[in-house]
Amino acid sequence: MSKKEYVKSNLISMDPSTGNISMKVDFEGLSKIPFSNDDLKVEIILSLLNSIDYKNYVENDMHNEAYQSFEKIIEAANTAFGIE
């Protein structure tokens, strides 16, 4: 069994053409995967997904945007885990 290591890091989303940061997420916790901390990132992703309330999309008449976001999430998850 792998030993968990406490890490403190961040993820930054930047527009490569402008260099502008569009999002920054700071995180910390226990990780079994050194350097990449991918197991911790998955926990963060699950927490963020669980915080989404589809009702907010409905109330703002954004059904199509919700479905497009859903498709992007599935596509990104498949790519991240090597599923085609």
PDB file of N, CA and C in Angstrom:
ATOM      1  N   MET A   1       0.837  -1.182   0.000  1.00  0.00           N
ATOM      2  CA  MET A   1       0.000   0.000   0.000  1.00  0.00           C
ATOM      3  C   MET A   1       0.881   1.243   0.000  1.00  0.00           C
ATOM      4  N   SER A   2       0.536   2.184  -0.840  1.00  0.00           N
ATOM      5  CA  SER A   2       1.303   3.419  -0.952  1.00  0.00           C
ATOM      6  C   SER A   2       1.069   4.322   0.242  1.00  0.00           C
ATOM      7  N   LYS A   3       2.123   4.998   0.628  1.00  0.00           N
ATOM      8  CA  LYS A   3       2.033   5.963   1.715  1.00  0.00           C
ATOM      9  C   LYS A   3       1.476   7.276   1.171  1.00  0.00           C
ATOM     10  N   LYS A   4       0.579   7.901   1.929  1.00  0.00           N
ATOM     11  CA  LYS A   4       0.032   9.194   1.518  1.00  0.00           C
ATOM     12  C   LYS A   4       0.948  10.305   2.003  1.00  0.00           C
ATOM     13  N   GLU A   5       1.106  11.304   1.156  1.00  0.00           N
ATOM     14  CA  GLU A   5       1.929  12.457   1.476  1.00  0.00           C
ATOM     15  C   GLU A   5       1.056  13.704   1.456  1.00  0.00           C
ATOM     16  N   TYR A   6       1.246  14.578   2.427  1.00  0.00           N
ATOM     17  CA  TYR A   6       0.483  15.822   2.479  1.00  0.00           C
ATOM     18  C   TYR A   6       1.075  16.800   1.475  1.00  0.00           C
ATOM     19  N   VAL A   7       0.223  17.333   0.611  1.00  0.00           N
ATOM     20  CA  VAL A   7       0.681  18.282  -0.399  1.00  0.00           C
ATOM     21  C   VAL A   7      -0.168  19.545  -0.367  1.00  0.00           C
ATOM     22  N   LYS A   8       0.416  20.620  -0.819  1.00  0.00           N
ATOM     23  CA  LYS A   8      -0.290  21.891  -0.972  1.00  0.00           C
ATOM     24  C   LYS A   8       0.128  22.430  -2.334  1.00  0.00           C
ATOM     25  N   SER A   9      -0.849  22.655  -3.216  1.00  0.00           N
ATOM     26  CA  SER A   9      -0.526  23.047  -4.580  1.00  0.00           C
ATOM     27  C   SER A   9      -1.667  23.862  -5.173  1.00  0.00           C
ATOM     28  N   ASN A  10      -1.582  24.128  -6.483  1.00  0.00           N
ATOM     29  CA  ASN A  10      -2.665  24.829  -7.164  1.00  0.00           C
ATOM     30  C   ASN A  10      -2.717  24.424  -8.628  1.00  0.00           C
ATOM     31  N   LEU A  11      -3.851  24.681  -9.231  1.00  0.00           N
ATOM     32  CA  LEU A  11      -4.052  24.493 -10.665  1.00  0.00           C
ATOM     33  C   LEU A  11      -4.410  25.852 -11.241  1.00  0.00           C
ATOM     34  N   ILE A  12      -3.827  26.172 -12.376  1.00  0.00           N
ATOM     35  CA  ILE A  12      -4.102  27.458 -13.007  1.00  0.00           C
ATOM     36  C   ILE A  12      -4.506  27.216 -14.454  1.00  0.00           C
ATOM     37  N   SER A  13      -5.571  27.881 -14.874  1.00  0.00           N
ATOM     38  CA  SER A  13      -6.004  27.845 -16.267  1.00  0.00           C
ATOM     39  C   SER A  13      -5.653  29.187 -16.887  1.00  0.00           C
ATOM     40  N   MET A  14      -4.818  29.133 -17.930  1.00  0.00           N
ATOM     41  CA  MET A  14      -4.341  30.372 -18.529  1.00  0.00           C
ATOM     42  C   MET A  14      -4.590  30.355 -20.037  1.00  0.00           C
ATOM     43  N   ASP A  15      -4.997  31.479 -20.588  1.00  0.00           N
ATOM     44  CA  ASP A  15      -5.155  31.634 -22.032  1.00  0.00           C
ATOM     45  C   ASP A  15      -3.755  31.799 -22.627  1.00  0.00           C
ATOM     46  N   PRO A  16      -3.299  30.829 -23.442  1.00  0.00           N
ATOM     47  CA  PRO A  16      -1.926  30.901 -23.953  1.00  0.00           C
ATOM     48  C   PRO A  16      -1.669  32.098 -24.871  1.00  0.00           C
ATOM     49  N   SER A  17      -2.702  32.588 -25.528  1.00  0.00           N
ATOM     50  CA  SER A  17      -2.499  33.710 -26.450  1.00  0.00           C
ATOM     51  C   SER A  17      -2.348  35.046 -25.728  1.00  0.00           C
ATOM     52  N   THR A  18      -2.989  35.183 -24.565  1.00  0.00           N
ATOM     53  CA  THR A  18      -2.925  36.456 -23.835  1.00  0.00           C
ATOM     54  C   THR A  18      -2.135  36.366 -22.534  1.00  0.00           C
ATOM     55  N   GLY A  19      -1.996  35.157 -22.007  1.00  0.00           N
ATOM     56  CA  GLY A  19      -1.338  34.989 -20.718  1.00  0.00           C
ATOM     57  C   GLY A  19      -2.234  35.302 -19.538  1.00  0.00           C
ATOM     58  N   ASN A  20      -3.506  35.606 -19.813  1.00  0.00           N
ATOM     59  CA  ASN A  20      -4.451  35.925 -18.741  1.00  0.00           C
ATOM     60  C   ASN A  20      -4.903  34.662 -18.020  1.00  0.00           C
ATOM     61  N   ILE A  21      -4.928  34.738 -16.703  1.00  0.00           N
ATOM     62  CA  ILE A  21      -5.411  33.625 -15.888  1.00  0.00           C
ATOM     63  C   ILE A  21      -6.927  33.719 -15.793  1.00  0.00           C
ATOM     64  N   SER A  22      -7.611  32.632 -16.179  1.00  0.00           N
ATOM     65  CA  SER A  22      -9.071  32.630 -16.117  1.00  0.00           C
ATOM     66  C   SER A  22      -9.586  31.938 -14.864  1.00  0.00           C
ATOM     67  N   MET A  23      -8.723  31.131 -14.240  1.00  0.00           N
ATOM     68  CA  MET A  23      -9.158  30.409 -13.051  1.00  0.00           C
ATOM     69  C   MET A  23      -7.928  29.924 -12.283  1.00  0.00           C
ATOM     70  N   LYS A  24      -8.045  29.919 -10.965  1.00  0.00           N
ATOM     71  CA  LYS A  24      -6.993  29.357 -10.122  1.00  0.00           C
ATOM     72  C   LYS A  24      -7.663  28.617  -8.982  1.00  0.00           C
ATOM     73  N   VAL A  25      -7.216  27.384  -8.742  1.00  0.00           N
ATOM     74  CA  VAL A  25      -7.747  26.566  -7.657  1.00  0.00           C
ATOM     75  C   VAL A  25      -6.581  26.160  -6.766  1.00  0.00           C
ATOM     76  N   ASP A  26      -6.626  26.551  -5.505  1.00  0.00           N
ATOM     77  CA  ASP A  26      -5.636  26.109  -4.527  1.00  0.00           C
ATOM     78  C   ASP A  26      -6.175  24.872  -3.832  1.00  0.00           C
ATOM     79  N   PHE A  27      -5.299  23.884  -3.596  1.00  0.00           N
ATOM     80  CA  PHE A  27      -5.749  22.680  -2.916  1.00  0.00           C
ATOM     81  C   PHE A  27      -4.644  22.117  -2.037  1.00  0.00           C
ATOM     82  N   GLU A  28      -5.078  21.372  -1.055  1.00  0.00           N
ATOM     83  CA  GLU A  28      -4.136  20.674  -0.190  1.00  0.00           C
ATOM     84  C   GLU A  28      -4.816  19.440   0.365  1.00  0.00           C
ATOM     85  N   GLY A  29      -4.025  18.429   0.645  1.00  0.00           N
ATOM     86  CA  GLY A  29      -4.561  17.192   1.190  1.00  0.00           C
ATOM     87  C   GLY A  29      -3.553  16.068   1.066  1.00  0.00           C
ATOM     88  N   LEU A  30      -4.003  14.867   1.337  1.00  0.00           N
ATOM     89  CA  LEU A  30      -3.145  13.693   1.287  1.00  0.00           C
ATOM     90  C   LEU A  30      -3.206  13.050  -0.090  1.00  0.00           C
ATOM     91  N   SER A  31      -2.031  12.729  -0.640  1.00  0.00           N
ATOM     92  CA  SER A  31      -1.944  12.135  -1.964  1.00  0.00           C
ATOM     93  C   SER A  31      -1.011  10.932  -1.940  1.00  0.00           C
ATOM     94  N   LYS A  32      -1.395   9.894  -2.685  1.00  0.00           N
ATOM     95  CA  LYS A  32      -0.539   8.713  -2.838  1.00  0.00           C
ATOM     96  C   LYS A  32       0.331   8.812  -4.089  1.00  0.00           C
ATOM     97  N   ILE A  33       0.089   9.822  -4.926  1.00  0.00           N
ATOM     98  CA  ILE A  33       0.816   9.946  -6.188  1.00  0.00           C
ATOM     99  C   ILE A  33       1.710  11.186  -6.122  1.00  0.00           C
ATOM    100  N   PRO A  34       3.023  10.980  -5.933  1.00  0.00           N
ATOM    101  CA  PRO A  34       3.941  12.115  -5.814  1.00  0.00           C
ATOM    102  C   PRO A  34       3.963  12.979  -7.074  1.00  0.00           C
ATOM    103  N   PHE A  35       4.224  14.232  -6.909  1.00  0.00           N
ATOM    104  CA  PHE A  35       4.412  15.239  -7.955  1.00  0.00           C
ATOM    105  C   PHE A  35       3.122  15.614  -8.680  1.00  0.00           C
ATOM    106  N   SER A  36       2.433  14.659  -9.321  1.00  0.00           N
ATOM    107  CA  SER A  36       1.223  15.016 -10.076  1.00  0.00           C
ATOM    108  C   SER A  36       0.004  15.126  -9.168  1.00  0.00           C
ATOM    109  N   ASN A  37      -0.014  14.365  -8.074  1.00  0.00           N
ATOM    110  CA  ASN A  37      -1.134  14.373  -7.119  1.00  0.00           C
ATOM    111  C   ASN A  37      -2.479  14.107  -7.796  1.00  0.00           C
ATOM    112  N   ASP A  38      -2.474  13.259  -8.821  1.00  0.00           N
ATOM    113  CA  ASP A  38      -3.690  13.014  -9.596  1.00  0.00           C
ATOM    114  C   ASP A  38      -4.830  12.448  -8.759  1.00  0.00           C
ATOM    115  N   ASP A  39      -4.528  11.634  -7.758  1.00  0.00           N
ATOM    116  CA  ASP A  39      -5.595  11.088  -6.908  1.00  0.00           C
ATOM    117  C   ASP A  39      -6.298  12.199  -6.132  1.00  0.00           C
ATOM    118  N   LEU A  40      -5.535  13.178  -5.694  1.00  0.00           N
ATOM    119  CA  LEU A  40      -6.108  14.321  -4.979  1.00  0.00           C
ATOM    120  C   LEU A  40      -6.925  15.197  -5.937  1.00  0.00           C
ATOM    121  N   LYS A  41      -6.440  15.348  -7.163  1.00  0.00           N
ATOM    122  CA  LYS A  41      -7.184  16.116  -8.171  1.00  0.00           C
ATOM    123  C   LYS A  41      -8.548  15.481  -8.440  1.00  0.00           C
ATOM    124  N   VAL A  42      -8.598  14.149  -8.486  1.00  0.00           N
ATOM    125  CA  VAL A  42      -9.879  13.465  -8.704  1.00  0.00           C
ATOM    126  C   VAL A  42     -10.841  13.783  -7.570  1.00  0.00           C
ATOM    127  N   GLU A  43     -10.365  13.779  -6.339  1.00  0.00           N
ATOM    128  CA  GLU A  43     -11.229  14.116  -5.196  1.00  0.00           C
ATOM    129  C   GLU A  43     -11.754  15.546  -5.310  1.00  0.00           C
ATOM    130  N   ILE A  44     -10.899  16.453  -5.775  1.00  0.00           N
ATOM    131  CA  ILE A  44     -11.314  17.842  -5.965  1.00  0.00           C
ATOM    132  C   ILE A  44     -12.378  17.932  -7.050  1.00  0.00           C
ATOM    133  N   ILE A  45     -12.147  17.240  -8.161  1.00  0.00           N
ATOM    134  CA  ILE A  45     -13.116  17.241  -9.267  1.00  0.00           C
ATOM    135  C   ILE A  45     -14.458  16.717  -8.796  1.00  0.00           C
ATOM    136  N   LEU A  46     -14.453  15.616  -8.054  1.00  0.00           N
ATOM    137  CA  LEU A  46     -15.710  15.047  -7.561  1.00  0.00           C
ATOM    138  C   LEU A  46     -16.428  16.020  -6.630  1.00  0.00           C
ATOM    139  N   SER A  47     -15.672  16.701  -5.787  1.00  0.00           N
ATOM    140  CA  SER A  47     -16.286  17.692  -4.891  1.00  0.00           C
ATOM    141  C   SER A  47     -16.917  18.828  -5.683  1.00  0.00           C
ATOM    142  N   LEU A  48     -16.209  19.305  -6.695  1.00  0.00           N
ATOM    143  CA  LEU A  48     -16.759  20.377  -7.526  1.00  0.00           C
ATOM    144  C   LEU A  48     -18.002  19.918  -8.277  1.00  0.00           C
ATOM    145  N   LEU A  49     -17.953  18.714  -8.849  1.00  0.00           N
ATOM    146  CA  LEU A  49     -19.121  18.194  -9.568  1.00  0.00           C
ATOM    147  C   LEU A  49     -20.320  18.049  -8.645  1.00  0.00           C
ATOM    148  N   ASN A  50     -20.077  17.580  -7.434  1.00  0.00           N
ATOM    149  CA  ASN A  50     -21.176  17.415  -6.481  1.00  0.00           C
ATOM    150  C   ASN A  50     -21.765  18.747  -6.023  1.00  0.00           C
ATOM    151  N   SER A  51     -21.048  19.837  -6.268  1.00  0.00           N
ATOM    152  CA  SER A  51     -21.559  21.151  -5.862  1.00  0.00           C
ATOM    153  C   SER A  51     -22.425  21.802  -6.944  1.00  0.00           C
ATOM    154  N   ILE A  52     -22.467  21.206  -8.138  1.00  0.00           N
ATOM    155  CA  ILE A  52     -23.270  21.764  -9.237  1.00  0.00           C
ATOM    156  C   ILE A  52     -24.734  21.433  -9.008  1.00  0.00           C
ATOM    157  N   ASP A  53     -25.584  22.437  -9.173  1.00  0.00           N
ATOM    158  CA  ASP A  53     -27.029  22.252  -9.029  1.00  0.00           C
ATOM    159  C   ASP A  53     -27.688  22.573 -10.368  1.00  0.00           C
ATOM    160  N   TYR A  54     -28.161  21.543 -11.048  1.00  0.00           N
ATOM    161  CA  TYR A  54     -28.783  21.701 -12.369  1.00  0.00           C
ATOM    162  C   TYR A  54     -29.943  22.690 -12.328  1.00  0.00           C
ATOM    163  N   LYS A  55     -30.584  22.782 -11.188  1.00  0.00           N
ATOM    164  CA  LYS A  55     -31.709  23.709 -11.018  1.00  0.00           C
ATOM    165  C   LYS A  55     -31.296  25.139 -11.376  1.00  0.00           C
ATOM    166  N   ASN A  56     -30.069  25.514 -11.081  1.00  0.00           N
ATOM    167  CA  ASN A  56     -29.600  26.860 -11.407  1.00  0.00           C
ATOM    168  C   ASN A  56     -29.544  27.088 -12.916  1.00  0.00           C
ATOM    169  N   TYR A  57     -29.190  26.056 -13.657  1.00  0.00           N
ATOM    170  CA  TYR A  57     -29.228  26.158 -15.120  1.00  0.00           C
ATOM    171  C   TYR A  57     -30.667  26.334 -15.595  1.00  0.00           C
ATOM    172  N   VAL A  58     -31.577  25.555 -15.024  1.00  0.00           N
ATOM    173  CA  VAL A  58     -32.987  25.625 -15.408  1.00  0.00           C
ATOM    174  C   VAL A  58     -33.545  27.011 -15.118  1.00  0.00           C
ATOM    175  N   GLU A  59     -33.284  27.516 -13.922  1.00  0.00           N
ATOM    176  CA  GLU A  59     -33.802  28.832 -13.529  1.00  0.00           C
ATOM    177  C   GLU A  59     -33.282  29.958 -14.415  1.00  0.00           C
ATOM    178  N   ASN A  60     -32.130  29.742 -15.042  1.00  0.00           N
ATOM    179  CA  ASN A  60     -31.548  30.757 -15.915  1.00  0.00           C
ATOM    180  C   ASN A  60     -31.721  30.412 -17.390  1.00  0.00           C
ATOM    181  N   ASP A  61     -32.634  29.476 -17.665  1.00  0.00           N
ATOM    182  CA  ASP A  61     -32.950  29.044 -19.032  1.00  0.00           C
ATOM    183  C   ASP A  61     -31.684  28.681 -19.813  1.00  0.00           C
ATOM    184  N   MET A  62     -30.853  27.851 -19.196  1.00  0.00           N
ATOM    185  CA  MET A  62     -29.577  27.456 -19.788  1.00  0.00           C
ATOM    186  C   MET A  62     -29.493  25.939 -19.954  1.00  0.00           C
ATOM    187  N   HIS A  63     -30.555  25.324 -20.449  1.00  0.00           N
ATOM    188  CA  HIS A  63     -30.592  23.869 -20.625  1.00  0.00           C
ATOM    189  C   HIS A  63     -29.496  23.393 -21.581  1.00  0.00           C
ATOM    190  N   ASN A  64     -29.357  24.089 -22.721  1.00  0.00           N
ATOM    191  CA  ASN A  64     -28.348  23.685 -23.706  1.00  0.00           C
ATOM    192  C   ASN A  64     -26.937  23.814 -23.150  1.00  0.00           C
ATOM    193  N   GLU A  65     -26.675  24.896 -22.435  1.00  0.00           N
ATOM    194  CA  GLU A  65     -25.355  25.087 -21.838  1.00  0.00           C
ATOM    195  C   GLU A  65     -25.052  23.989 -20.824  1.00  0.00           C
ATOM    196  N   ALA A  66     -26.057  23.590 -20.070  1.00  0.00           N
ATOM    197  CA  ALA A  66     -25.870  22.517 -19.093  1.00  0.00           C
ATOM    198  C   ALA A  66     -25.496  21.223 -19.797  1.00  0.00           C
ATOM    199  N   TYR A  67     -26.212  20.901 -20.874  1.00  0.00           N
ATOM    200  CA  TYR A  67     -25.927  19.662 -21.594  1.00  0.00           C
ATOM    201  C   TYR A  67     -24.550  19.721 -22.256  1.00  0.00           C
ATOM    202  N   GLN A  68     -24.181  20.877 -22.816  1.00  0.00           N
ATOM    203  CA  GLN A  68     -22.859  21.020 -23.423  1.00  0.00           C
ATOM    204  C   GLN A  68     -21.760  20.863 -22.373  1.00  0.00           C
ATOM    205  N   SER A  69     -21.977  21.415 -21.192  1.00  0.00           N
ATOM    206  CA  SER A  69     -21.010  21.259 -20.101  1.00  0.00           C
ATOM    207  C   SER A  69     -20.893  19.800 -19.695  1.00  0.00           C
ATOM    208  N   PHE A  70     -22.035  19.120 -19.603  1.00  0.00           N
ATOM    209  CA  PHE A  70     -22.048  17.692 -19.278  1.00  0.00           C
ATOM    210  C   PHE A  70     -21.210  16.913 -20.290  1.00  0.00           C
ATOM    211  N   GLU A  71     -21.409  17.187 -21.582  1.00  0.00           N
ATOM    212  CA  GLU A  71     -20.654  16.485 -22.623  1.00  0.00           C
ATOM    213  C   GLU A  71     -19.156  16.763 -22.510  1.00  0.00           C
ATOM    214  N   LYS A  72     -18.781  18.007 -22.203  1.00  0.00           N
ATOM    215  CA  LYS A  72     -17.369  18.355 -22.041  1.00  0.00           C
ATOM    216  C   LYS A  72     -16.757  17.620 -20.850  1.00  0.00           C
ATOM    217  N   ILE A  73     -17.517  17.500 -19.770  1.00  0.00           N
ATOM    218  CA  ILE A  73     -17.036  16.796 -18.576  1.00  0.00           C
ATOM    219  C   ILE A  73     -16.782  15.330 -18.902  1.00  0.00           C
ATOM    220  N   ILE A  74     -17.735  14.684 -19.597  1.00  0.00           N
ATOM    221  CA  ILE A  74     -17.578  13.274 -19.964  1.00  0.00           C
ATOM    222  C   ILE A  74     -16.380  13.099 -20.889  1.00  0.00           C
ATOM    223  N   GLU A  75     -16.247  13.970 -21.882  1.00  0.00           N
ATOM    224  CA  GLU A  75     -15.127  13.888 -22.822  1.00  0.00           C
ATOM    225  C   GLU A  75     -13.787  14.064 -22.101  1.00  0.00           C
ATOM    226  N   ALA A  76     -13.707  15.035 -21.204  1.00  0.00           N
ATOM    227  CA  ALA A  76     -12.467  15.276 -20.461  1.00  0.00           C
ATOM    228  C   ALA A  76     -12.121  14.097 -19.558  1.00  0.00           C
ATOM    229  N   ALA A  77     -13.128  13.509 -18.909  1.00  0.00           N
ATOM    230  CA  ALA A  77     -12.894  12.347 -18.044  1.00  0.00           C
ATOM    231  C   ALA A  77     -12.396  11.165 -18.869  1.00  0.00           C
ATOM    232  N   ASN A  78     -13.014  10.928 -20.010  1.00  0.00           N
ATOM    233  CA  ASN A  78     -12.577   9.830 -20.877  1.00  0.00           C
ATOM    234  C   ASN A  78     -11.137  10.025 -21.327  1.00  0.00           C
ATOM    235  N   THR A  79     -10.790  11.243 -21.713  1.00  0.00           N
ATOM    236  CA  THR A  79      -9.428  11.540 -22.147  1.00  0.00           C
ATOM    237  C   THR A  79      -8.438  11.364 -20.997  1.00  0.00           C
ATOM    238  N   ALA A  80      -8.777  11.873 -19.827  1.00  0.00           N
ATOM    239  CA  ALA A  80      -7.877  11.796 -18.670  1.00  0.00           C
ATOM    240  C   ALA A  80      -7.554  10.356 -18.285  1.00  0.00           C
ATOM    241  N   PHE A  81      -8.537   9.465 -18.434  1.00  0.00           N
ATOM    242  CA  PHE A  81      -8.344   8.075 -18.029  1.00  0.00           C
ATOM    243  C   PHE A  81      -8.078   7.145 -19.210  1.00  0.00           C
ATOM    244  N   GLY A  82      -7.815   7.723 -20.386  1.00  0.00           N
ATOM    245  CA  GLY A  82      -7.437   6.933 -21.550  1.00  0.00           C
ATOM    246  C   GLY A  82      -8.551   6.087 -22.130  1.00  0.00           C
ATOM    247  N   ILE A  83      -9.783   6.547 -21.987  1.00  0.00           N
ATOM    248  CA  ILE A  83     -10.933   5.819 -22.515  1.00  0.00           C
ATOM    249  C   ILE A  83     -11.371   6.508 -23.803  1.00  0.00           C
ATOM    250  N   GLU A  84     -11.509   5.712 -24.859  1.00  0.00           N
ATOM    251  CA  GLU A  84     -11.924   6.310 -26.139  1.00  0.00           C
ATOM    252  C   GLU A  84     -13.332   5.950 -26.484  1.00  0.00           C
TER     253      GLU A  84
END
